[in-house]
Amino acid sequence: MSKFDPQPILLRVFNRLRQNGFSLGVSEYLAALEAVEGEWGTTQEELKEVLRLLWSHSRTEQNEFDLIWDSVTSDTSKADSQQLPSKPAPEPPPERTEEPLLSTSPDQTDTVQPQPAFELAPLPIRAPFTSTETDNTPALQTYWPVSHRSMVYIWRYLRRPVPDGPKDILDVKATVEQAVRQGFFLAPVYRRRESNHAHLLLLIDQDGSMTPFHRFTRDLVETAQYESTIEQVDVCYFHNVPANSVYRDFYLTDPVLLKQVLAGCDSDTSVLVVSDAGAARGYRRLERIRATTEFLFQLKQHTNLIAWLNPMPQERWVSTSAQIIAHLVPMYQMDNDGLSNAIDIVRGQQLQHNR
């Protein structure tokens, strides 16, 4: 039995969605390939659910996706059924060695022509026209909620300056005031250099409905750790809800107690949670809301500088667990404005955010 190959259907659906106005680019296509390589599309139904989650961002787009998927899979099945297996070429007839039954009399001028042999063969079949096989496919365009460069820039605003460096910064105002008090200039006044003592804790939802956003969360972690001035960046991973244990690696193989992680936090620790909170699949589960509430209660015993970054658009939060959780903690969608507002929250600047 042949194994299901998702590649042809994936490319056909991708092109058809782009032709119907879906905002899809190279990043979305690569994310789908990464999900397929991770064995998320081993059957046709599973591939449909993965692609709908990756490429549909509203209920209208989900309905349109279902129609396009049914059309593409129907055309593909018809084309496959109309392709007959190739038949082996018939063997040539053996050469005849006997003398032809022709008269050799000199007065006979007519010759007997052999009659052609007729064979049964399938008639040529014309494949049905499909709009995916067009040559005017629009060029792929890259799209990403927050670019790598924007992340590096936004992290610059997460600062907790403490003047504990060397005393080598000239304080012009204090120097002028001292000269005025003394009536003459004696020596300049220096102040200490400030250092960024910000402490950031990233809690990132991993696997499941967050699989399409692994590339984004990886960029988020790398820019915070290696391309920012934040003094301390701690990263922990979880699945759906931070339980009694979280994980130090994104493979979820190195557990650590949540109490131990929170013990290293104080009132100046900034906490950014990255999760869809059930909005990706449209779920509204009481047990998830209850578990998230308990986690936030523990977290708020250590710090109030908490923000939630949701990769799903805000309109997708309606009637899901995310809508309830957004009333417990400031939650923002994953884009430039959302990340900027989340950073303002975790650095202590309270904003008037929309629910």
Protein backbone atom coordinates (compact mmCIF):
# COMPACT_ATOMS: atom_id res chain seq x y z
CA MET A 1 0.00 0.00 0.00
CA SER A 2 1.47 3.37 -1.05
CA LYS A 3 2.05 6.00 1.58
CA PHE A 4 0.00 9.22 1.38
CA ASP A 5 2.01 12.01 -0.28
CA PRO A 6 0.80 15.46 0.92
CA GLN A 7 3.13 17.52 -1.30
CA PRO A 8 0.95 17.74 -4.50
CA ILE A 9 -2.24 18.65 -2.61
CA LEU A 10 -0.35 21.15 -0.42
CA LEU A 11 1.00 23.05 -3.44
CA ARG A 12 -2.34 23.03 -5.28
CA VAL A 13 -4.25 24.33 -2.26
CA PHE A 14 -1.59 26.98 -1.59
CA ASN A 15 -1.78 28.34 -5.15
CA ARG A 16 -5.58 28.25 -5.20
CA LEU A 17 -5.81 30.15 -1.89
CA ARG A 18 -3.43 32.84 -3.15
CA GLN A 19 -5.51 33.23 -6.29
CA ASN A 20 -8.59 33.72 -4.11
CA GLY A 21 -7.08 36.58 -2.11
CA PHE A 22 -5.51 34.82 0.89
CA SER A 23 -2.50 36.70 2.27
CA LEU A 24 0.02 33.87 1.97
CA GLY A 25 3.73 34.04 1.25
CA VAL A 26 6.95 32.09 1.49
CA SER A 27 6.87 31.95 5.29
CA GLU A 28 3.43 30.34 5.37
CA TYR A 29 4.43 27.78 2.74
CA LEU A 30 7.65 26.94 4.62
CA ALA A 31 5.71 26.60 7.87
CA ALA A 32 3.38 24.11 6.18
CA LEU A 33 6.34 22.14 4.84
CA GLU A 34 7.88 22.10 8.33
CA ALA A 35 4.61 20.77 9.78
CA VAL A 36 4.41 18.08 7.10
CA GLU A 37 8.02 17.07 7.71
CA GLY A 38 7.13 16.75 11.39
CA GLU A 39 4.49 14.15 10.39
CA TRP A 40 1.50 16.43 10.97
CA GLY A 41 -0.08 15.54 7.60
CA THR A 42 0.12 11.77 7.32
CA THR A 43 -3.53 11.52 6.16
CA GLN A 44 -5.68 13.72 3.97
CA GLU A 45 -7.97 14.75 6.84
CA GLU A 46 -5.02 15.56 9.11
CA LEU A 47 -3.39 17.60 6.34
CA LYS A 48 -6.62 19.55 5.92
CA GLU A 49 -6.76 20.45 9.62
CA VAL A 50 -3.09 21.52 9.69
CA LEU A 51 -3.39 23.73 6.58
CA ARG A 52 -6.66 25.27 7.81
CA LEU A 53 -4.96 26.18 11.09
CA LEU A 54 -1.92 27.62 9.32
CA TRP A 55 -3.56 29.57 6.52
CA SER A 56 -7.04 30.58 7.79
CA HIS A 57 -7.27 33.44 10.29
CA SER A 58 -11.03 34.00 10.49
CA ARG A 59 -14.21 31.99 10.26
CA THR A 60 -14.88 33.41 6.78
CA GLU A 61 -11.49 32.24 5.59
CA GLN A 62 -12.10 28.82 7.16
CA ASN A 63 -15.34 28.42 5.20
CA GLU A 64 -13.65 29.52 1.99
CA PHE A 65 -10.74 27.19 2.72
CA ASP A 66 -13.12 24.22 3.08
CA LEU A 67 -14.68 24.96 -0.33
CA ILE A 68 -11.29 25.28 -2.03
CA TRP A 69 -10.00 22.12 -0.32
CA ASP A 70 -13.02 20.10 -1.50
CA SER A 71 -12.57 21.42 -5.05
CA VAL A 72 -8.84 20.63 -5.16
CA THR A 73 -9.15 17.14 -3.66
CA SER A 74 -12.09 16.36 -5.98
CA ASP A 75 -10.12 17.44 -9.05
CA THR A 76 -7.09 15.47 -7.86
CA SER A 77 -9.10 12.28 -7.29
CA LYS A 78 -10.76 12.60 -10.71
CA ALA A 79 -7.43 13.09 -12.43
CA ASP A 80 -5.99 10.06 -10.64
CA SER A 81 -8.95 7.86 -11.56
CA GLN A 82 -8.75 8.84 -15.23
CA GLN A 83 -5.08 7.92 -15.52
CA LEU A 84 -5.01 4.28 -16.63
CA PRO A 85 -1.95 2.14 -15.97
CA SER A 86 0.32 1.90 -18.96
CA LYS A 87 -0.03 -1.34 -20.91
CA PRO A 88 3.05 -3.23 -22.07
CA ALA A 89 3.83 -2.83 -25.74
CA PRO A 90 2.53 -5.77 -27.81
CA GLU A 91 5.16 -8.14 -29.07
CA PRO A 92 5.85 -7.88 -32.81
CA PRO A 93 4.46 -10.77 -34.87
CA PRO A 94 7.05 -13.41 -35.79
CA GLU A 95 8.61 -13.14 -39.19
CA ARG A 96 7.08 -15.39 -41.76
CA THR A 97 9.57 -17.70 -43.45
CA GLU A 98 7.22 -19.51 -45.81
CA GLU A 99 6.77 -18.33 -49.36
CA PRO A 100 3.95 -15.86 -49.95
CA LEU A 101 0.87 -17.23 -51.59
CA LEU A 102 1.32 -15.22 -54.74
CA SER A 103 1.14 -16.41 -58.29
CA THR A 104 4.40 -16.21 -60.23
CA SER A 105 2.84 -16.49 -63.63
CA PRO A 106 4.12 -13.80 -65.96
CA ASP A 107 0.67 -12.72 -67.12
CA GLN A 108 -0.59 -12.03 -63.54
CA THR A 109 -0.13 -8.39 -62.60
CA ASP A 110 -2.29 -7.99 -59.40
CA THR A 111 -0.70 -8.68 -56.01
CA VAL A 112 -2.55 -9.63 -52.84
CA GLN A 113 -2.15 -7.00 -50.05
CA PRO A 114 -2.35 -8.29 -46.45
CA GLN A 115 -5.26 -6.88 -44.40
CA PRO A 116 -4.24 -4.71 -41.37
CA ALA A 117 -4.92 -6.22 -37.98
CA PHE A 118 -7.18 -4.19 -35.61
CA GLU A 119 -6.47 -4.01 -31.88
CA LEU A 120 -8.67 -2.78 -29.04
CA ALA A 121 -7.14 0.23 -27.24
CA PRO A 122 -8.49 2.94 -24.91
CA LEU A 123 -9.54 6.20 -26.53
CA PRO A 124 -7.47 9.28 -25.63
CA ILE A 125 -8.89 11.08 -22.61
CA ARG A 126 -8.63 14.83 -22.09
CA ALA A 127 -7.80 15.81 -18.54
CA PRO A 128 -10.25 18.30 -16.97
CA PHE A 129 -9.15 21.90 -16.68
CA THR A 130 -8.03 23.02 -13.23
CA SER A 131 -7.25 26.61 -12.36
CA THR A 132 -4.21 25.59 -10.31
CA GLU A 133 -2.26 24.60 -13.39
CA THR A 134 -1.82 28.15 -14.65
CA ASP A 135 1.34 29.90 -15.64
CA ASN A 136 0.36 33.30 -14.29
CA THR A 137 0.71 32.39 -10.61
CA PRO A 138 1.49 35.61 -8.69
CA ALA A 139 4.94 35.89 -7.19
CA LEU A 140 5.37 34.69 -3.62
CA GLN A 141 5.71 37.44 -1.04
CA THR A 142 7.19 37.07 2.41
CA TYR A 143 4.95 37.89 5.36
CA TRP A 144 5.59 37.62 9.08
CA PRO A 145 3.61 39.04 12.03
CA VAL A 146 6.72 40.65 13.56
CA SER A 147 9.99 40.78 11.68
CA HIS A 148 13.33 39.85 13.21
CA ARG A 149 14.48 43.45 12.94
CA SER A 150 11.37 44.77 14.71
CA MET A 151 11.93 42.36 17.61
CA VAL A 152 15.50 43.60 18.08
CA TYR A 153 14.27 47.19 18.06
CA ILE A 154 11.36 46.65 20.48
CA TRP A 155 13.50 44.79 23.03
CA ARG A 156 15.52 48.00 23.45
CA TYR A 157 12.61 49.49 25.42
CA LEU A 158 12.74 46.79 28.11
CA ARG A 159 15.15 48.51 30.46
CA ARG A 160 15.63 48.76 34.22
CA PRO A 161 18.52 51.23 34.54
CA VAL A 162 20.52 51.25 37.76
CA PRO A 163 23.42 53.71 38.25
CA ASP A 164 26.02 51.24 39.49
CA GLY A 165 28.69 51.58 36.82
CA PRO A 166 31.91 53.61 36.85
CA LYS A 167 31.60 57.26 37.83
CA ASP A 168 32.67 58.75 34.50
CA ILE A 169 29.59 60.53 33.11
CA LEU A 170 29.80 64.32 33.20
CA ASP A 171 26.76 65.85 34.91
CA VAL A 172 26.53 69.28 33.31
CA LYS A 173 23.54 70.47 35.35
CA ALA A 174 25.09 69.46 38.70
CA THR A 175 28.40 71.06 37.68
CA VAL A 176 26.68 74.39 36.88
CA GLU A 177 24.68 74.32 40.13
CA GLN A 178 27.82 73.64 42.17
CA ALA A 179 29.69 76.49 40.47
CA VAL A 180 26.76 78.84 41.22
CA ARG A 181 26.71 77.86 44.89
CA GLN A 182 30.45 78.21 45.29
CA GLY A 183 30.74 81.35 43.20
CA PHE A 184 33.52 79.85 41.08
CA PHE A 185 34.26 76.68 39.13
CA LEU A 186 36.44 74.27 41.02
CA ALA A 187 35.90 70.79 39.47
CA PRO A 188 33.32 69.03 37.30
CA VAL A 189 30.69 66.75 38.82
CA TYR A 190 30.50 63.18 37.56
CA ARG A 191 27.76 60.60 37.96
CA ARG A 192 27.80 56.83 37.67
CA ARG A 193 27.11 55.04 34.39
CA GLU A 194 23.74 53.26 34.28
CA SER A 195 23.42 49.52 33.60
CA ASN A 196 20.36 47.64 32.36
CA HIS A 197 19.40 45.22 35.15
CA ALA A 198 16.17 44.02 33.52
CA HIS A 199 15.14 40.43 34.23
CA LEU A 200 12.85 38.80 31.66
CA LEU A 201 11.06 35.46 32.02
CA LEU A 202 9.63 34.04 28.77
CA LEU A 203 6.98 31.32 29.16
CA ILE A 204 6.27 29.86 25.73
CA ASP A 205 3.55 27.43 24.71
CA GLN A 206 5.01 24.62 22.58
CA ASP A 207 3.62 22.00 20.15
CA GLY A 208 -0.04 21.37 19.42
CA SER A 209 -1.77 24.42 17.97
CA MET A 210 1.42 26.47 18.53
CA THR A 211 3.41 24.40 16.00
CA PRO A 212 2.89 26.88 13.13
CA PHE A 213 4.41 29.63 15.29
CA HIS A 214 7.59 27.80 16.37
CA ARG A 215 9.70 29.86 13.98
CA PHE A 216 8.37 33.09 15.46
CA THR A 217 8.88 32.00 19.08
CA ARG A 218 12.42 30.88 18.22
CA ASP A 219 13.20 34.34 16.82
CA LEU A 220 11.62 35.90 19.90
CA VAL A 221 13.89 33.91 22.22
CA GLU A 222 17.06 34.43 20.17
CA THR A 223 16.63 38.20 19.83
CA ALA A 224 15.93 38.56 23.57
CA GLN A 225 18.93 36.45 24.59
CA TYR A 226 21.57 37.46 22.06
CA GLU A 227 20.52 40.74 20.42
CA SER A 228 19.26 42.85 23.33
CA THR A 229 20.74 44.61 26.34
CA ILE A 230 18.57 42.71 28.84
CA GLU A 231 20.81 41.49 31.65
CA GLN A 232 19.01 38.21 32.39
CA VAL A 233 16.66 36.26 30.10
CA ASP A 234 15.13 33.01 31.36
CA VAL A 235 13.10 30.84 28.97
CA CYS A 236 10.72 28.04 29.93
CA TYR A 237 8.37 26.02 27.74
CA PHE A 238 5.03 24.35 28.45
CA HIS A 239 2.18 22.69 26.62
CA ASN A 240 -1.22 24.41 26.73
CA VAL A 241 -0.99 25.46 30.41
CA PRO A 242 2.03 25.85 32.76
CA ALA A 243 1.47 22.98 35.20
CA ASN A 244 3.50 21.94 38.22
CA SER A 245 6.49 21.51 35.93
CA VAL A 246 7.72 23.45 32.92
CA TYR A 247 10.62 22.68 30.61
CA ARG A 248 13.98 24.29 29.90
CA ASP A 249 14.11 23.06 26.28
CA PHE A 250 11.62 23.36 23.45
CA TYR A 251 11.57 19.58 23.02
CA LEU A 252 9.84 19.36 26.44
CA THR A 253 12.36 16.82 27.74
CA ASP A 254 14.10 18.75 30.55
CA PRO A 255 11.49 19.44 33.26
CA VAL A 256 11.88 21.87 36.13
CA LEU A 257 9.42 22.66 38.91
CA LEU A 258 7.37 25.80 38.34
CA LYS A 259 7.90 26.77 42.00
CA GLN A 260 11.63 26.69 41.43
CA VAL A 261 11.33 28.99 38.41
CA LEU A 262 9.08 31.44 40.25
CA ALA A 263 11.43 31.45 43.24
CA GLY A 264 13.96 33.28 41.06
CA CYS A 265 11.48 36.09 40.34
CA ASP A 266 10.93 39.27 42.31
CA SER A 267 8.75 42.35 41.95
CA ASP A 268 11.03 43.72 39.21
CA THR A 269 10.91 40.57 37.04
CA SER A 270 9.13 41.00 33.71
CA VAL A 271 7.09 37.98 32.57
CA LEU A 272 5.87 37.51 28.98
CA VAL A 273 3.62 34.52 28.25
CA VAL A 274 3.31 33.44 24.59
CA SER A 275 0.32 31.18 23.87
CA ASP A 276 -2.85 31.06 21.75
CA ALA A 277 -4.88 30.23 24.91
CA GLY A 278 -7.20 27.94 22.94
CA ALA A 279 -8.06 30.52 20.26
CA ALA A 280 -6.33 28.63 17.43
CA ARG A 281 -8.83 25.78 17.50
CA GLY A 282 -11.73 27.84 18.83
CA TYR A 283 -11.97 25.89 22.08
CA ARG A 284 -13.56 27.15 25.29
CA ARG A 285 -12.65 24.68 28.00
CA LEU A 286 -13.35 25.27 31.65
CA GLU A 287 -10.45 23.10 32.83
CA ARG A 288 -7.95 25.16 30.81
CA ILE A 289 -9.35 28.44 32.14
CA ARG A 290 -9.24 27.09 35.72
CA ALA A 291 -5.64 25.85 35.36
CA THR A 292 -4.51 29.14 33.79
CA THR A 293 -6.18 31.09 36.60
CA GLU A 294 -4.29 29.06 39.21
CA PHE A 295 -1.02 29.62 37.35
CA LEU A 296 -1.57 33.39 37.15
CA PHE A 297 -2.42 33.49 40.85
CA GLN A 298 0.92 31.87 41.68
CA LEU A 299 2.75 34.18 39.31
CA LYS A 300 1.20 37.34 40.75
CA GLN A 301 2.52 36.37 44.19
CA HIS A 302 5.98 37.24 42.85
CA THR A 303 5.45 40.00 40.25
CA ASN A 304 2.71 42.05 38.62
CA LEU A 305 4.73 42.85 35.48
CA ILE A 306 2.89 40.27 33.36
CA ALA A 307 1.68 40.38 29.75
CA TRP A 308 0.31 37.76 27.37
CA LEU A 309 1.18 37.62 23.67
CA ASN A 310 -1.36 35.72 21.56
CA PRO A 311 -0.40 34.68 18.00
CA MET A 312 -4.05 34.60 16.91
CA PRO A 313 -5.84 37.84 15.82
CA GLN A 314 -8.06 39.40 18.43
CA GLU A 315 -11.26 38.61 16.52
CA ARG A 316 -10.44 34.91 16.88
CA TRP A 317 -10.53 35.18 20.68
CA VAL A 318 -14.33 35.52 20.76
CA SER A 319 -16.12 32.57 22.41
CA THR A 320 -12.82 30.85 23.29
CA SER A 321 -10.76 30.41 26.44
CA ALA A 322 -8.61 33.34 25.33
CA GLN A 323 -11.54 35.74 25.75
CA ILE A 324 -11.83 34.81 29.44
CA ILE A 325 -8.07 34.79 30.09
CA ALA A 326 -7.77 38.25 28.50
CA HIS A 327 -9.79 39.58 31.45
CA LEU A 328 -7.25 38.14 33.91
CA VAL A 329 -4.05 39.46 32.34
CA PRO A 330 -3.24 42.07 29.65
CA MET A 331 -3.33 40.14 26.36
CA TYR A 332 -2.22 41.41 22.96
CA GLN A 333 -2.17 39.87 19.52
CA MET A 334 1.12 39.01 17.88
CA ASP A 335 2.08 41.99 15.72
CA ASN A 336 4.31 45.05 16.02
CA ASP A 337 1.80 47.05 18.08
CA GLY A 338 0.91 44.05 20.26
CA LEU A 339 4.53 43.25 21.09
CA SER A 340 5.29 46.92 21.77
CA ASN A 341 2.30 47.20 24.13
CA ALA A 342 3.26 43.97 25.90
CA ILE A 343 6.78 45.32 26.48
CA ASP A 344 5.31 48.51 27.95
CA ILE A 345 3.29 46.41 30.38
CA VAL A 346 6.16 44.22 31.56
CA ARG A 347 8.39 47.28 32.12
CA GLY A 348 5.79 48.84 34.42
CA GLN A 349 3.92 51.22 32.14
CA GLN A 350 0.23 50.46 32.50
CA LEU A 351 -1.82 50.89 29.32
CA GLN A 352 -5.52 51.08 28.60
CA HIS A 353 -5.84 47.88 26.56
CA ASN A 354 -8.91 46.72 24.70
CA ARG A 355 -10.69 43.51 25.63
